[in-house]
C-alpha atoms as a PDB file:
ATOM      1  CA  MET A   1       2.990   0.948 -16.634  1.00  0.00           C
ATOM      2  CA  ASP A   2       3.361   4.591 -17.622  1.00  0.00           C
ATOM      3  CA  VAL A   3       1.467   6.996 -19.847  1.00  0.00           C
ATOM      4  CA  ASP A   4       3.056   9.416 -22.296  1.00  0.00           C
ATOM      5  CA  PRO A   5       0.454  12.218 -22.554  1.00  0.00           C
ATOM      6  CA  VAL A   6       2.492  14.128 -25.155  1.00  0.00           C
ATOM      7  CA  HIS A   7       2.563  11.312 -27.730  1.00  0.00           C
ATOM      8  CA  ASP A   8      -0.640   9.601 -26.517  1.00  0.00           C
ATOM      9  CA  GLU A   9       1.027   6.272 -25.727  1.00  0.00           C
ATOM     10  CA  ILE A  10       0.908   3.699 -22.919  1.00  0.00           C
ATOM     11  CA  PHE A  11       4.066   1.734 -22.020  1.00  0.00           C
ATOM     12  CA  VAL A  12       3.598  -1.677 -20.391  1.00  0.00           C
ATOM     13  CA  PRO A  13       6.428  -3.820 -18.961  1.00  0.00           C
ATOM     14  CA  ASP A  14       5.924  -7.525 -19.637  1.00  0.00           C
ATOM     15  CA  ASP A  15       8.800  -9.632 -18.236  1.00  0.00           C
ATOM     16  CA  ASN A  16      11.282  -9.697 -21.161  1.00  0.00           C
ATOM     17  CA  LYS A  17       9.544  -7.136 -23.350  1.00  0.00           C
ATOM     18  CA  ILE A  18       7.991  -3.679 -23.338  1.00  0.00           C
ATOM     19  CA  ARG A  19       4.716  -3.187 -25.193  1.00  0.00           C
ATOM     20  CA  VAL A  20       3.623   0.251 -26.394  1.00  0.00           C
ATOM     21  CA  TYR A  21      -0.038   0.969 -27.171  1.00  0.00           C
ATOM     22  CA  ARG A  22      -1.963   3.991 -28.375  1.00  0.00           C
ATOM     23  CA  ARG A  23      -3.532   5.643 -25.346  1.00  0.00           C
ATOM     24  CA  THR A  24      -6.874   5.830 -27.119  1.00  0.00           C
ATOM     25  CA  ALA A  25      -6.863   2.148 -28.171  1.00  0.00           C
ATOM     26  CA  ASN A  26      -9.841   0.085 -27.098  1.00  0.00           C
ATOM     27  CA  GLY A  27     -10.516  -3.640 -27.051  1.00  0.00           C
ATOM     28  CA  ASP A  28      -8.203  -6.397 -28.288  1.00  0.00           C
ATOM     29  CA  THR A  29      -5.606  -4.209 -29.966  1.00  0.00           C
ATOM     30  CA  GLU A  30      -2.063  -4.854 -31.157  1.00  0.00           C
ATOM     31  CA  PRO A  31       0.825  -2.841 -29.697  1.00  0.00           C
ATOM     32  CA  ILE A  32       2.278  -0.171 -31.977  1.00  0.00           C
ATOM     33  CA  ARG A  33       5.820  -1.084 -30.839  1.00  0.00           C
ATOM     34  CA  VAL A  34       7.404  -3.917 -28.869  1.00  0.00           C
ATOM     35  CA  ILE A  35      10.926  -3.818 -27.458  1.00  0.00           C
ATOM     36  CA  GLU A  36      12.108  -7.420 -27.125  1.00  0.00           C
ATOM     37  CA  GLY A  37      14.955  -9.725 -28.011  1.00  0.00           C
ATOM     38  CA  PRO A  38      18.377 -10.725 -26.669  1.00  0.00           C
ATOM     39  CA  ASP A  39      20.042  -7.375 -27.445  1.00  0.00           C
ATOM     40  CA  THR A  40      17.540  -5.516 -25.223  1.00  0.00           C
ATOM     41  CA  GLN A  41      18.835  -7.330 -22.098  1.00  0.00           C
ATOM     42  CA  LEU A  42      15.297  -7.163 -20.685  1.00  0.00           C
ATOM     43  CA  LEU A  43      14.728  -9.657 -17.864  1.00  0.00           C
ATOM     44  CA  ARG A  44      11.875  -9.508 -15.374  1.00  0.00           C
ATOM     45  CA  ALA A  45      10.946  -5.952 -16.391  1.00  0.00           C
ATOM     46  CA  ASP A  46       8.626  -4.859 -13.594  1.00  0.00           C
ATOM     47  CA  THR A  47       8.616  -1.102 -13.768  1.00  0.00           C
ATOM     48  CA  LEU A  48       9.295   1.698 -16.201  1.00  0.00           C
ATOM     49  CA  SER A  49       9.043   5.428 -16.598  1.00  0.00           C
ATOM     50  CA  VAL A  50       8.826   7.453 -19.803  1.00  0.00           C
ATOM     51  CA  ASP A  51      10.107  10.975 -20.434  1.00  0.00           C
ATOM     52  CA  PRO A  52       8.200  12.344 -23.449  1.00  0.00           C
ATOM     53  CA  ILE A  53      10.197  15.576 -23.493  1.00  0.00           C
ATOM     54  CA  ASN A  54      13.689  14.065 -23.832  1.00  0.00           C
ATOM     55  CA  ASN A  55      12.330  10.923 -25.566  1.00  0.00           C
ATOM     56  CA  ILE A  56      13.734   8.530 -22.955  1.00  0.00           C
ATOM     57  CA  LEU A  57      12.357   5.264 -21.582  1.00  0.00           C
ATOM     58  CA  VAL A  58      13.856   3.857 -18.365  1.00  0.00           C
ATOM     59  CA  VAL A  59      13.129   0.236 -17.437  1.00  0.00           C
ATOM     60  CA  GLY A  60      13.878  -1.349 -14.065  1.00  0.00           C
ATOM     61  CA  PHE A  61      14.321  -5.049 -13.612  1.00  0.00           C
ATOM     62  CA  ASN A  62      15.011  -7.329 -10.696  1.00  0.00           C
ATOM     63  CA  LYS A  63      17.454 -10.011  -9.722  1.00  0.00           C
ATOM     64  CA  GLY A  64      15.851 -13.401 -10.314  1.00  0.00           C
ATOM     65  CA  GLU A  65      15.299 -15.979  -7.595  1.00  0.00           C
ATOM     66  CA  GLY A  66      18.380 -18.120  -7.077  1.00  0.00           C
ATOM     67  CA  GLU A  67      20.540 -15.974  -9.386  1.00  0.00           C
ATOM     68  CA  LYS A  68      23.900 -15.123  -7.877  1.00  0.00           C
ATOM     69  CA  ASP A  69      25.454 -12.829 -10.483  1.00  0.00           C
ATOM     70  CA  ALA A  70      22.569 -11.128 -12.277  1.00  0.00           C
ATOM     71  CA  ASP A  71      21.581  -8.184 -10.100  1.00  0.00           C
ATOM     72  CA  GLY A  72      18.829  -5.828 -11.140  1.00  0.00           C
ATOM     73  CA  ALA A  73      19.467  -2.872 -13.386  1.00  0.00           C
ATOM     74  CA  LEU A  74      18.154   0.298 -14.946  1.00  0.00           C
ATOM     75  CA  LEU A  75      18.058   0.067 -18.744  1.00  0.00           C
ATOM     76  CA  ILE A  76      17.769   3.320 -20.675  1.00  0.00           C
ATOM     77  CA  PHE A  77      16.197   3.239 -24.142  1.00  0.00           C
ATOM     78  CA  ASN A  78      15.047   5.824 -26.657  1.00  0.00           C
ATOM     79  CA  ARG A  79      11.296   6.349 -26.284  1.00  0.00           C
ATOM     80  CA  THR A  80      10.679   5.325 -29.898  1.00  0.00           C
ATOM     81  CA  ASP A  81      12.810   2.151 -29.846  1.00  0.00           C
ATOM     82  CA  ASN A  82      11.236  -0.926 -31.389  1.00  0.00           C
ATOM     83  CA  GLY A  83      12.319  -4.537 -31.786  1.00  0.00           C
ATOM     84  CA  ASN A  84      15.617  -6.077 -30.707  1.00  0.00           C
ATOM     85  CA  VAL A  85      17.498  -2.885 -29.797  1.00  0.00           C
ATOM     86  CA  LYS A  86      20.410  -2.392 -27.426  1.00  0.00           C
ATOM     87  CA  PRO A  87      19.835  -0.019 -24.504  1.00  0.00           C
ATOM     88  CA  ARG A  88      21.586   3.320 -24.911  1.00  0.00           C
ATOM     89  CA  ALA A  89      22.835   2.910 -21.315  1.00  0.00           C
ATOM     90  CA  ILE A  90      22.748   0.352 -18.497  1.00  0.00           C
ATOM     91  CA  ILE A  91      23.162   1.145 -14.793  1.00  0.00           C
ATOM     92  CA  ARG A  92      24.128  -2.037 -12.951  1.00  0.00           C
ATOM     93  CA  GLY A  93      26.785  -3.364 -10.599  1.00  0.00           C
ATOM     94  CA  PRO A  94      27.999  -3.216  -6.981  1.00  0.00           C
ATOM     95  CA  LYS A  95      28.509   0.581  -6.931  1.00  0.00           C
ATOM     96  CA  SER A  96      24.962   1.138  -8.220  1.00  0.00           C
ATOM     97  CA  GLY A  97      23.561  -0.851  -5.286  1.00  0.00           C
ATOM     98  CA  ILE A  98      20.679  -2.061  -7.472  1.00  0.00           C
ATOM     99  CA  ILE A  99      19.276  -5.470  -6.580  1.00  0.00           C
ATOM    100  CA  ARG A 100      15.750  -4.714  -7.694  1.00  0.00           C
ATOM    101  CA  ILE A 101      13.702  -1.681  -8.608  1.00  0.00           C
ATOM    102  CA  ASN A 102      10.118  -1.417  -7.383  1.00  0.00           C
ATOM    103  CA  GLN A 103       9.028   1.891  -8.823  1.00  0.00           C
ATOM    104  CA  MET A 104      10.685   4.909 -10.373  1.00  0.00           C
ATOM    105  CA  ALA A 105      10.025   8.390 -11.646  1.00  0.00           C
ATOM    106  CA  VAL A 106      11.873  10.594 -14.111  1.00  0.00           C
ATOM    107  CA  TYR A 107      12.465  14.320 -13.849  1.00  0.00           C
ATOM    108  CA  PRO A 108      12.797  15.610 -17.428  1.00  0.00           C
ATOM    109  CA  ALA A 109      13.997  19.121 -16.498  1.00  0.00           C
ATOM    110  CA  LYS A 110      17.247  17.757 -15.023  1.00  0.00           C
ATOM    111  CA  ARG A 111      17.249  14.382 -16.855  1.00  0.00           C
ATOM    112  CA  LEU A 112      17.075  12.438 -13.586  1.00  0.00           C
ATOM    113  CA  ILE A 113      15.917   8.946 -12.659  1.00  0.00           C
ATOM    114  CA  VAL A 114      14.641   8.505  -9.090  1.00  0.00           C
ATOM    115  CA  ALA A 115      14.129   4.858  -8.120  1.00  0.00           C
ATOM    116  CA  ALA A 116      13.003   2.896  -5.059  1.00  0.00           C
ATOM    117  CA  MET A 117      15.470   0.029  -4.432  1.00  0.00           C
ATOM    118  CA  PRO A 118      13.879  -2.098  -1.680  1.00  0.00           C
ATOM    119  CA  GLY A 119      16.651  -4.689  -1.397  1.00  0.00           C
ATOM    120  CA  HIS A 120      16.284  -8.449  -1.356  1.00  0.00           C
ATOM    121  CA  VAL A 121      12.717  -9.798  -1.459  1.00  0.00           C
ATOM    122  CA  GLU A 122      13.278 -12.297   1.343  1.00  0.00           C
ATOM    123  CA  GLN A 123      14.556  -9.668   3.817  1.00  0.00           C
ATOM    124  CA  MET A 124      11.978  -7.796   5.886  1.00  0.00           C
ATOM    125  CA  GLU A 125      14.116  -4.658   6.348  1.00  0.00           C
ATOM    126  CA  PRO A 126      17.211  -4.884   4.131  1.00  0.00           C
ATOM    127  CA  GLN A 127      20.093  -2.706   5.278  1.00  0.00           C
ATOM    128  CA  ASP A 128      21.050  -2.031   1.643  1.00  0.00           C
ATOM    129  CA  ALA A 129      17.669  -0.592   0.576  1.00  0.00           C
ATOM    130  CA  PHE A 130      17.425   3.060  -0.510  1.00  0.00           C
ATOM    131  CA  VAL A 131      15.911   5.595  -2.880  1.00  0.00           C
ATOM    132  CA  GLY A 132      18.547   6.534  -5.445  1.00  0.00           C
ATOM    133  CA  VAL A 133      18.975   9.237  -8.070  1.00  0.00           C
ATOM    134  CA  TRP A 134      20.881   8.755 -11.335  1.00  0.00           C
ATOM    135  CA  THR A 135      21.036  10.745 -14.597  1.00  0.00           C
ATOM    136  CA  TYR A 136      20.128   9.695 -18.132  1.00  0.00           C
ATOM    137  CA  ASP A 137      23.824   9.965 -19.014  1.00  0.00           C
ATOM    138  CA  ASP A 138      24.975   7.467 -16.372  1.00  0.00           C
ATOM    139  CA  ASN A 139      26.195   4.183 -17.821  1.00  0.00           C
ATOM    140  CA  GLY A 140      27.851   1.209 -16.138  1.00  0.00           C
ATOM    141  CA  ASP A 141      28.511   0.556 -12.471  1.00  0.00           C
ATOM    142  CA  ILE A 142      27.567   4.040 -11.252  1.00  0.00           C
ATOM    143  CA  ALA A 143      26.705   4.947  -7.663  1.00  0.00           C
ATOM    144  CA  PRO A 144      23.601   7.123  -7.212  1.00  0.00           C
ATOM    145  CA  LYS A 145      24.248  10.885  -7.318  1.00  0.00           C
ATOM    146  CA  TRP A 146      21.963  11.238  -4.291  1.00  0.00           C
ATOM    147  CA  LYS A 147      20.624   8.618  -1.948  1.00  0.00           C
ATOM    148  CA  ILE A 148      17.930   8.465   0.738  1.00  0.00           C
ATOM    149  CA  PRO A 149      18.966   5.416   2.801  1.00  0.00           C
ATOM    150  CA  VAL A 150      16.952   3.189   5.107  1.00  0.00           C
ATOM    151  CA  GLY A 151      17.437   3.754   8.819  1.00  0.00           C
ATOM    152  CA  SER A 152      16.342   5.562  11.937  1.00  0.00           C
ATOM    153  CA  LYS A 153      17.113   9.053  10.536  1.00  0.00           C
ATOM    154  CA  THR A 154      14.928   8.643   7.448  1.00  0.00           C
ATOM    155  CA  MET A 155      12.441   6.156   8.977  1.00  0.00           C
ATOM    156  CA  ILE A 156      12.507   4.186   5.705  1.00  0.00           C
ATOM    157  CA  GLY A 157      12.412   0.410   6.212  1.00  0.00           C
ATOM    158  CA  LYS A 158      11.761  -0.924   2.709  1.00  0.00           C
ATOM    159  CA  PRO A 159      10.935   1.695   0.046  1.00  0.00           C
ATOM    160  CA  PHE A 160       8.235   0.626  -2.372  1.00  0.00           C
ATOM    161  CA  GLY A 161       7.146   3.614  -4.438  1.00  0.00           C
ATOM    162  CA  VAL A 162       8.430   7.044  -5.341  1.00  0.00           C
ATOM    163  CA  VAL A 163       6.808  10.172  -6.734  1.00  0.00           C
ATOM    164  CA  LEU A 164       8.310  13.600  -7.374  1.00  0.00           C
ATOM    165  CA  ASN A 165       6.873  16.990  -6.437  1.00  0.00           C
ATOM    166  CA  PRO A 166       9.189  19.420  -8.284  1.00  0.00           C
ATOM    167  CA  LYS A 167       7.119  22.483  -7.357  1.00  0.00           C
ATOM    168  CA  ASN A 168       7.920  21.981  -3.656  1.00  0.00           C
ATOM    169  CA  LYS A 169      11.260  20.197  -4.305  1.00  0.00           C
ATOM    170  CA  GLU A 170      10.108  16.988  -2.633  1.00  0.00           C
ATOM    171  CA  VAL A 171      10.556  13.263  -3.094  1.00  0.00           C
ATOM    172  CA  ILE A 172       7.562  11.295  -1.771  1.00  0.00           C
ATOM    173  CA  VAL A 173       8.279   7.690  -0.773  1.00  0.00           C
ATOM    174  CA  SER A 174       5.897   4.895   0.182  1.00  0.00           C
ATOM    175  CA  ASP A 175       7.328   2.249   2.493  1.00  0.00           C
ATOM    176  CA  MET A 176       6.299  -1.432   2.785  1.00  0.00           C
ATOM    177  CA  ARG A 177       7.512  -1.986   6.344  1.00  0.00           C
ATOM    178  CA  MET A 178       6.469   1.301   7.888  1.00  0.00           C
ATOM    179  CA  ASN A 179       3.121   1.145   6.048  1.00  0.00           C
ATOM    180  CA  SER A 180       3.474   4.841   5.422  1.00  0.00           C
ATOM    181  CA  VAL A 181       4.109   7.607   2.943  1.00  0.00           C
ATOM    182  CA  MET A 182       6.957   9.997   3.732  1.00  0.00           C
ATOM    183  CA  THR A 183       7.882  13.323   2.164  1.00  0.00           C
ATOM    184  CA  PHE A 184      11.528  14.399   1.911  1.00  0.00           C
ATOM    185  CA  SER A 185      12.606  17.946   1.099  1.00  0.00           C
ATOM    186  CA  VAL A 186      15.552  17.608  -1.306  1.00  0.00           C
ATOM    187  CA  PRO A 187      16.005  20.931  -3.088  1.00  0.00           C
ATOM    188  CA  GLU A 188      19.501  19.972  -4.248  1.00  0.00           C
ATOM    189  CA  ILE A 189      18.145  17.559  -6.850  1.00  0.00           C
ATOM    190  CA  PHE A 190      15.599  20.000  -8.238  1.00  0.00           C
END
């Protein structure tokens, strides 16, 4: 879930749809918009991040159990999209390295998506896990512009969450296997 404080909205991922509510809504209320339908390509939407400045919504979804060809992806929508709309861009494929996305953050100033890709669920410490950075303009099988990989140099075992600290040019990562929170200085992306 994410909150858009500029437009007073709450975005909620719900498997194959995204529900948008007024932030001030109370009780049993209807969403003001719902993105759903076959053209959206939404499957197992678990995480999202909204950029109220550039009017972008990024949705991460995961590879399903037993699926061989349908890896996870980042779907990029317009913030105001509603109904059965096609994403404006899709980041997916072998070069992207995306199997599943746990959590992500956007950086509106540089139009960046920073996402925790923890690898396969069944693996304790997947060798292909990483924190990756893409742009809003990426589309297709695109490798991350920057990558913080798992391993002994970074001490990341299975990244779970990510938060940005632009003021100090840091990416803060929580890790499931290390049971820790790590801060990385990465001024090149800010």
